[in-house]
Amino acid sequence: MGQHYLDVVQYILDKDDTSPVEIEASAPWPAHPDAVGIWGWVEMKYADGCRIILDSGDWGEPVTQGKPYIEGPKGKIYPGFRTDPADLADALPTLPEPEPMISDFNISVKTRRKFGLHESNGNRSNLLVHLANVAIRTGRKLKFDPVTQHFVGDEEANRLVDQPMRAPWHL
């Protein structure tokens, strides 16, 4: 389900065409070699400094408690749509409406325009879950290249990207 929650975040942040460049996690180590167990938080940082912080609340000290859901150069949005500055929400009606996504696949086919939830932005949203998984499993801060979609200078992390298939499956 992680990618479904994070797809909206990617869209809001206008990150559908890129991925984080640094990923760091807090979790008990060593992680299980075949799966991610409990974890505390994962921080994913983009090249422009934008950050996504996932806080499980299942292990360690929570890092997002009392912090805003979204923070930008002009203010912060907290749970319950409380804002700082207080009148930030008043500006919402003045913002331009985003171009509507095509949400009917039949219309997408007939007009030859991309469906709103297509393979490219789906890949980027799903990738966030996998980046978090690898950071938790390796137990260290990772550098990631959004163009090549590989970890920079970390063969152990890259082996987790392209794991061998179990028999009888193969490519």
C-alpha atoms as a PDB file:
ATOM      1  CA  MET A   1       0.000   0.000   0.000  1.00  0.00           C
ATOM      2  CA  GLY A   2       2.977   2.323   0.482  1.00  0.00           C
ATOM      3  CA  GLN A   3       3.159   3.386  -3.133  1.00  0.00           C
ATOM      4  CA  HIS A   4      -0.532   4.324  -3.174  1.00  0.00           C
ATOM      5  CA  TYR A   5      -0.060   6.698  -0.246  1.00  0.00           C
ATOM      6  CA  LEU A   6       3.186   8.086  -1.634  1.00  0.00           C
ATOM      7  CA  ASP A   7       1.859   8.595  -5.172  1.00  0.00           C
ATOM      8  CA  VAL A   8      -0.188  11.560  -3.952  1.00  0.00           C
ATOM      9  CA  VAL A   9       2.856  12.983  -2.149  1.00  0.00           C
ATOM     10  CA  GLN A  10       4.972  12.696  -5.313  1.00  0.00           C
ATOM     11  CA  TYR A  11       2.230  14.486  -7.286  1.00  0.00           C
ATOM     12  CA  ILE A  12       1.782  17.304  -4.760  1.00  0.00           C
ATOM     13  CA  LEU A  13       5.543  17.869  -4.631  1.00  0.00           C
ATOM     14  CA  ASP A  14       5.805  17.763  -8.450  1.00  0.00           C
ATOM     15  CA  LYS A  15       8.286  14.867  -8.212  1.00  0.00           C
ATOM     16  CA  ASP A  16       6.625  12.445 -10.651  1.00  0.00           C
ATOM     17  CA  ASP A  17       9.692  12.584 -12.913  1.00  0.00           C
ATOM     18  CA  THR A  18      12.463  12.185 -10.341  1.00  0.00           C
ATOM     19  CA  SER A  19      13.484  10.365  -7.176  1.00  0.00           C
ATOM     20  CA  PRO A  20      15.313  11.197  -3.947  1.00  0.00           C
ATOM     21  CA  VAL A  21      19.109  11.476  -4.044  1.00  0.00           C
ATOM     22  CA  GLU A  22      19.687  10.563  -0.358  1.00  0.00           C
ATOM     23  CA  ILE A  23      17.879   8.016   1.768  1.00  0.00           C
ATOM     24  CA  GLU A  24      18.468   7.383   5.460  1.00  0.00           C
ATOM     25  CA  ALA A  25      16.600   5.150   7.894  1.00  0.00           C
ATOM     26  CA  SER A  26      16.443   4.432  11.591  1.00  0.00           C
ATOM     27  CA  ALA A  27      15.728   0.814  12.414  1.00  0.00           C
ATOM     28  CA  PRO A  28      17.134  -1.978  14.581  1.00  0.00           C
ATOM     29  CA  TRP A  29      20.000  -3.791  12.874  1.00  0.00           C
ATOM     30  CA  PRO A  30      20.875  -6.145  11.542  1.00  0.00           C
ATOM     31  CA  ALA A  31      17.715  -6.338   9.490  1.00  0.00           C
ATOM     32  CA  HIS A  32      16.381  -9.741   8.476  1.00  0.00           C
ATOM     33  CA  PRO A  33      18.108 -10.738   5.213  1.00  0.00           C
ATOM     34  CA  ASP A  34      14.833 -11.554   3.451  1.00  0.00           C
ATOM     35  CA  ALA A  35      12.438  -8.883   4.692  1.00  0.00           C
ATOM     36  CA  VAL A  36      12.109  -5.551   6.444  1.00  0.00           C
ATOM     37  CA  GLY A  37      11.016  -5.834  10.055  1.00  0.00           C
ATOM     38  CA  ILE A  38      10.137  -3.011  12.411  1.00  0.00           C
ATOM     39  CA  TRP A  39      11.586   0.417  11.694  1.00  0.00           C
ATOM     40  CA  GLY A  40      11.376   3.912  13.125  1.00  0.00           C
ATOM     41  CA  TRP A  41      11.691   6.466  10.354  1.00  0.00           C
ATOM     42  CA  VAL A  42      12.968   6.939   6.823  1.00  0.00           C
ATOM     43  CA  GLU A  43      14.018  10.295   5.375  1.00  0.00           C
ATOM     44  CA  MET A  44      14.254  10.734   1.607  1.00  0.00           C
ATOM     45  CA  LYS A  45      15.863  13.928   0.318  1.00  0.00           C
ATOM     46  CA  TYR A  46      15.573  15.263  -3.247  1.00  0.00           C
ATOM     47  CA  ALA A  47      18.248  17.213  -5.131  1.00  0.00           C
ATOM     48  CA  ASP A  48      16.408  20.498  -4.473  1.00  0.00           C
ATOM     49  CA  GLY A  49      16.375  19.865  -0.695  1.00  0.00           C
ATOM     50  CA  CYS A  50      12.746  18.732  -0.520  1.00  0.00           C
ATOM     51  CA  ARG A  51      12.336  15.910   2.018  1.00  0.00           C
ATOM     52  CA  ILE A  52       9.796  13.176   2.639  1.00  0.00           C
ATOM     53  CA  ILE A  53       9.885  11.739   6.148  1.00  0.00           C
ATOM     54  CA  LEU A  54       8.061   8.504   6.917  1.00  0.00           C
ATOM     55  CA  ASP A  55       7.596   7.837  10.631  1.00  0.00           C
ATOM     56  CA  SER A  56       6.279   4.402  11.600  1.00  0.00           C
ATOM     57  CA  GLY A  57       5.903   5.079  15.315  1.00  0.00           C
ATOM     58  CA  ASP A  58       6.803   1.396  15.842  1.00  0.00           C
ATOM     59  CA  TRP A  59      10.414   1.759  16.961  1.00  0.00           C
ATOM     60  CA  GLY A  60      12.694   4.437  18.385  1.00  0.00           C
ATOM     61  CA  GLU A  61      11.860   8.072  18.969  1.00  0.00           C
ATOM     62  CA  PRO A  62       9.230   9.561  16.647  1.00  0.00           C
ATOM     63  CA  VAL A  63      10.770  12.297  14.501  1.00  0.00           C
ATOM     64  CA  THR A  64       7.621  13.864  13.050  1.00  0.00           C
ATOM     65  CA  GLN A  65       5.641  14.443  16.256  1.00  0.00           C
ATOM     66  CA  GLY A  66       4.491  18.075  16.380  1.00  0.00           C
ATOM     67  CA  LYS A  67       5.960  18.800  12.947  1.00  0.00           C
ATOM     68  CA  PRO A  68       3.962  19.927   9.908  1.00  0.00           C
ATOM     69  CA  TYR A  69       2.693  17.548   7.249  1.00  0.00           C
ATOM     70  CA  ILE A  70       3.947  19.890   4.543  1.00  0.00           C
ATOM     71  CA  GLU A  71       6.463  22.693   4.913  1.00  0.00           C
ATOM     72  CA  GLY A  72       7.534  25.117   2.222  1.00  0.00           C
ATOM     73  CA  PRO A  73       9.175  28.511   1.866  1.00  0.00           C
ATOM     74  CA  LYS A  74       5.887  30.342   2.535  1.00  0.00           C
ATOM     75  CA  GLY A  75       4.595  28.344   5.484  1.00  0.00           C
ATOM     76  CA  LYS A  76       3.577  25.078   7.074  1.00  0.00           C
ATOM     77  CA  ILE A  77       0.469  22.874   7.072  1.00  0.00           C
ATOM     78  CA  TYR A  78      -0.250  20.817  10.189  1.00  0.00           C
ATOM     79  CA  PRO A  79      -2.777  18.042  10.889  1.00  0.00           C
ATOM     80  CA  GLY A  80      -6.330  19.358  10.820  1.00  0.00           C
ATOM     81  CA  PHE A  81      -5.307  21.919   8.132  1.00  0.00           C
ATOM     82  CA  ARG A  82      -3.926  24.298  10.758  1.00  0.00           C
ATOM     83  CA  THR A  83      -1.397  26.573   9.070  1.00  0.00           C
ATOM     84  CA  ASP A  84       1.518  28.811   9.996  1.00  0.00           C
ATOM     85  CA  PRO A  85       1.078  31.628   9.142  1.00  0.00           C
ATOM     86  CA  ALA A  86      -2.547  31.338  10.182  1.00  0.00           C
ATOM     87  CA  ASP A  87      -3.865  32.919   6.956  1.00  0.00           C
ATOM     88  CA  LEU A  88      -1.944  30.544   4.659  1.00  0.00           C
ATOM     89  CA  ALA A  89      -5.088  28.487   4.004  1.00  0.00           C
ATOM     90  CA  ASP A  90      -6.883  31.676   2.861  1.00  0.00           C
ATOM     91  CA  ALA A  91      -4.580  31.771  -0.178  1.00  0.00           C
ATOM     92  CA  LEU A  92      -5.767  28.370  -1.412  1.00  0.00           C
ATOM     93  CA  PRO A  93      -8.613  29.748  -3.605  1.00  0.00           C
ATOM     94  CA  THR A  94      -6.136  32.055  -5.376  1.00  0.00           C
ATOM     95  CA  LEU A  95      -3.888  29.220  -6.546  1.00  0.00           C
ATOM     96  CA  PRO A  96      -4.278  27.941 -10.113  1.00  0.00           C
ATOM     97  CA  GLU A  97      -6.077  24.658 -10.575  1.00  0.00           C
ATOM     98  CA  PRO A  98      -3.759  21.883 -11.750  1.00  0.00           C
ATOM     99  CA  GLU A  99      -4.508  20.381 -15.128  1.00  0.00           C
ATOM    100  CA  PRO A 100      -6.966  17.544 -14.477  1.00  0.00           C
ATOM    101  CA  MET A 101      -5.621  14.031 -14.822  1.00  0.00           C
ATOM    102  CA  ILE A 102      -7.362  11.631 -17.137  1.00  0.00           C
ATOM    103  CA  SER A 103      -8.925   9.135 -14.766  1.00  0.00           C
ATOM    104  CA  ASP A 104     -10.900   7.138 -17.319  1.00  0.00           C
ATOM    105  CA  PHE A 105      -8.676   4.714 -19.210  1.00  0.00           C
ATOM    106  CA  ASN A 106     -11.107   4.600 -22.168  1.00  0.00           C
ATOM    107  CA  ILE A 107     -10.801   8.372 -22.606  1.00  0.00           C
ATOM    108  CA  SER A 108      -7.035   8.053 -22.401  1.00  0.00           C
ATOM    109  CA  VAL A 109      -7.057   5.523 -25.243  1.00  0.00           C
ATOM    110  CA  LYS A 110      -9.517   7.499 -27.380  1.00  0.00           C
ATOM    111  CA  THR A 111      -7.663  10.816 -26.991  1.00  0.00           C
ATOM    112  CA  ARG A 112      -4.183   9.234 -26.997  1.00  0.00           C
ATOM    113  CA  ARG A 113      -3.328  11.241 -23.867  1.00  0.00           C
ATOM    114  CA  LYS A 114      -1.554   9.648 -20.900  1.00  0.00           C
ATOM    115  CA  PHE A 115      -3.690   8.155 -18.184  1.00  0.00           C
ATOM    116  CA  GLY A 116      -3.215  10.034 -14.873  1.00  0.00           C
ATOM    117  CA  LEU A 117      -1.696   7.048 -13.096  1.00  0.00           C
ATOM    118  CA  HIS A 118       0.692   5.736 -15.713  1.00  0.00           C
ATOM    119  CA  GLU A 119       3.775   3.542 -15.695  1.00  0.00           C
ATOM    120  CA  SER A 120       6.296   6.345 -15.224  1.00  0.00           C
ATOM    121  CA  ASN A 121       4.810   8.034 -12.141  1.00  0.00           C
ATOM    122  CA  GLY A 122       3.802   4.621 -10.802  1.00  0.00           C
ATOM    123  CA  ASN A 123       7.441   3.526 -11.039  1.00  0.00           C
ATOM    124  CA  ARG A 124       8.642   6.640  -9.179  1.00  0.00           C
ATOM    125  CA  SER A 125       6.081   6.171  -6.389  1.00  0.00           C
ATOM    126  CA  ASN A 126       6.849   2.468  -6.042  1.00  0.00           C
ATOM    127  CA  LEU A 127      10.557   3.272  -6.038  1.00  0.00           C
ATOM    128  CA  LEU A 128      10.111   5.294  -2.812  1.00  0.00           C
ATOM    129  CA  VAL A 129       8.994   2.134  -1.008  1.00  0.00           C
ATOM    130  CA  HIS A 130      11.958   0.176  -2.351  1.00  0.00           C
ATOM    131  CA  LEU A 131      14.430   2.946  -1.475  1.00  0.00           C
ATOM    132  CA  ALA A 132      13.118   2.935   2.093  1.00  0.00           C
ATOM    133  CA  ASN A 133      13.372  -0.867   2.190  1.00  0.00           C
ATOM    134  CA  VAL A 134      17.017  -0.833   1.055  1.00  0.00           C
ATOM    135  CA  ALA A 135      17.958   1.924   3.536  1.00  0.00           C
ATOM    136  CA  ILE A 136      16.379  -0.058   6.383  1.00  0.00           C
ATOM    137  CA  ARG A 137      18.058  -3.293   5.295  1.00  0.00           C
ATOM    138  CA  THR A 138      21.546  -1.813   4.803  1.00  0.00           C
ATOM    139  CA  GLY A 139      21.461   0.374   7.909  1.00  0.00           C
ATOM    140  CA  ARG A 140      23.248   3.355   6.408  1.00  0.00           C
ATOM    141  CA  LYS A 141      22.672   6.585   4.510  1.00  0.00           C
ATOM    142  CA  LEU A 142      22.511   5.899   0.785  1.00  0.00           C
ATOM    143  CA  LYS A 143      23.130   8.069  -2.279  1.00  0.00           C
ATOM    144  CA  PHE A 144      20.851   7.411  -5.245  1.00  0.00           C
ATOM    145  CA  ASP A 145      21.011   8.513  -8.875  1.00  0.00           C
ATOM    146  CA  PRO A 146      17.440   9.245 -10.091  1.00  0.00           C
ATOM    147  CA  VAL A 147      18.512   9.032 -13.752  1.00  0.00           C
ATOM    148  CA  THR A 148      20.199   5.611 -13.699  1.00  0.00           C
ATOM    149  CA  GLN A 149      18.009   4.472 -10.778  1.00  0.00           C
ATOM    150  CA  HIS A 150      20.990   2.900  -9.012  1.00  0.00           C
ATOM    151  CA  PHE A 151      22.783   3.577  -5.765  1.00  0.00           C
ATOM    152  CA  VAL A 152      26.000   5.556  -6.104  1.00  0.00           C
ATOM    153  CA  GLY A 153      29.114   3.651  -5.023  1.00  0.00           C
ATOM    154  CA  ASP A 154      27.238   0.976  -3.063  1.00  0.00           C
ATOM    155  CA  GLU A 155      27.242  -2.468  -4.654  1.00  0.00           C
ATOM    156  CA  GLU A 156      25.541  -4.078  -1.652  1.00  0.00           C
ATOM    157  CA  ALA A 157      22.580  -1.732  -2.030  1.00  0.00           C
ATOM    158  CA  ASN A 158      22.523  -2.240  -5.804  1.00  0.00           C
ATOM    159  CA  ARG A 159      22.361  -6.032  -5.319  1.00  0.00           C
ATOM    160  CA  LEU A 160      19.074  -5.455  -3.474  1.00  0.00           C
ATOM    161  CA  VAL A 161      17.754  -3.600  -6.541  1.00  0.00           C
ATOM    162  CA  ASP A 162      18.235  -6.494  -8.940  1.00  0.00           C
ATOM    163  CA  GLN A 163      17.827  -9.626  -6.851  1.00  0.00           C
ATOM    164  CA  PRO A 164      17.942 -13.048  -8.501  1.00  0.00           C
ATOM    165  CA  MET A 165      14.585 -14.673  -9.077  1.00  0.00           C
ATOM    166  CA  ARG A 166      13.604 -17.875  -7.328  1.00  0.00           C
ATOM    167  CA  ALA A 167      13.271 -20.969  -9.512  1.00  0.00           C
ATOM    168  CA  PRO A 168      11.470 -21.635 -11.733  1.00  0.00           C
ATOM    169  CA  TRP A 169      11.223 -17.908 -12.584  1.00  0.00           C
ATOM    170  CA  HIS A 170      13.797 -16.263 -14.818  1.00  0.00           C
ATOM    171  CA  LEU A 171      14.208 -13.540 -17.450  1.00  0.00           C
END
